Structures are given as C-alpha cells and as structure tokens.
Amino acid sequence: MGKNAISVIKLEKPSVNTWFIGWDDSKSRIEAYSLVSPAESMFTALKIVDYYTTEKSWLAILTKNGIDPTV
C-alpha cells in the first residue's frame, strides 16, 4: 500500500444482521453507525469499527455516547 493509500474496512453480506459503530482514531467520538443485513455490504475508511450481532448491545453503546438512532 502506498504512502497516501486509504485503508478500507469492509463487511460483506454478513450471515446475520450485524450492527456496527465506527469511531474516530482515538475512539472518543462515534463517526458512523448502522445495520448491515445479510443482503448488504458496508465499506468504510474509518480505522476503528466495532460489530454487534444484537441490536440491544449496539443501542447500549450508542445511548452511552448520547446518540438516539431513532431520531
């Protein structure tokens, strides 16, 4: 990979619904969050991404960080 190349994290067609949270480089601020269904794929240039197979766990992290994904 070249000096200026961007690394990409991808989740392609997971076997079950998978929720993700993408963080800034210091893991202090959430930059992205969503659901990836088995029919979908997700690609991101964020370096830190956490995955959850239960919506409850994903929601708990979002809530702890002051985010309501239903808004």
Protein backbone atom coordinates (compact mmCIF):
# COMPACT_ATOMS: atom_id res chain seq x y z
CA MET A 1 0.00 0.00 0.00
CA GLY A 2 1.34 3.39 -0.96
CA LYS A 3 2.14 6.21 1.41
CA ASN A 4 -1.14 8.06 0.74
CA ALA A 5 -3.35 4.99 0.26
CA ILE A 6 -6.56 4.78 2.25
CA SER A 7 -7.25 1.57 4.11
CA VAL A 8 -10.81 0.30 3.81
CA ILE A 9 -12.65 -1.89 6.28
CA LYS A 10 -15.46 -3.90 4.80
CA LEU A 11 -18.24 -6.16 5.96
CA GLU A 12 -19.70 -8.06 3.03
CA LYS A 13 -23.04 -9.84 3.27
CA PRO A 14 -22.80 -11.00 6.91
CA SER A 15 -24.56 -14.27 7.79
CA VAL A 16 -26.81 -12.46 10.30
CA ASN A 17 -27.95 -8.86 10.86
CA THR A 18 -24.87 -7.01 12.08
CA TRP A 19 -24.87 -3.54 13.59
CA PHE A 20 -21.68 -1.50 13.54
CA ILE A 21 -20.22 1.59 15.15
CA GLY A 22 -17.33 3.44 13.50
CA TRP A 23 -15.13 5.60 15.71
CA ASP A 24 -12.63 8.41 15.27
CA ASP A 25 -8.95 7.47 15.63
CA SER A 26 -8.98 7.95 19.42
CA LYS A 27 -12.25 6.01 19.90
CA SER A 28 -13.69 9.02 21.69
CA ARG A 29 -16.36 10.03 19.15
CA ILE A 30 -18.74 7.96 17.07
CA GLU A 31 -18.45 8.84 13.38
CA ALA A 32 -20.87 6.31 11.85
CA TYR A 33 -23.38 3.66 12.88
CA SER A 34 -25.91 1.46 11.15
CA LEU A 35 -27.21 -2.02 10.41
CA VAL A 36 -25.84 -4.30 7.71
CA SER A 37 -28.28 -7.05 6.72
CA PRO A 38 -27.22 -10.33 5.08
CA ALA A 39 -28.20 -8.84 1.70
CA GLU A 40 -25.95 -5.77 2.13
CA SER A 41 -22.30 -4.82 2.38
CA MET A 42 -20.58 -1.97 4.20
CA PHE A 43 -17.29 -0.26 3.36
CA THR A 44 -15.62 2.47 5.42
CA ALA A 45 -12.31 4.31 5.63
CA LEU A 46 -12.71 4.58 9.42
CA LYS A 47 -9.92 2.69 11.19
CA ILE A 48 -11.88 1.56 14.26
CA VAL A 49 -15.14 -0.31 13.76
CA ASP A 50 -16.99 -2.42 16.32
CA TYR A 51 -19.59 -5.01 15.29
CA TYR A 52 -22.63 -6.29 17.20
CA THR A 53 -24.98 -9.16 16.40
CA THR A 54 -27.62 -7.97 18.86
CA GLU A 55 -29.35 -4.64 18.47
CA LYS A 56 -29.57 -4.31 22.26
CA SER A 57 -25.76 -4.24 22.67
CA TRP A 58 -25.38 -1.76 19.81
CA LEU A 59 -28.08 0.52 21.25
CA ALA A 60 -26.43 0.46 24.68
CA ILE A 61 -23.15 1.81 23.27
CA LEU A 62 -24.94 4.48 21.23
CA THR A 63 -27.02 5.56 24.24
CA LYS A 64 -23.91 5.70 26.45
CA ASN A 65 -22.45 8.11 23.88
CA GLY A 66 -25.56 10.33 23.73
CA ILE A 67 -26.91 9.02 20.42
CA ASP A 68 -30.52 8.06 19.75
CA PRO A 69 -30.58 6.26 16.38
CA THR A 70 -34.37 6.61 16.12
CA VAL A 71 -34.13 10.40 15.72
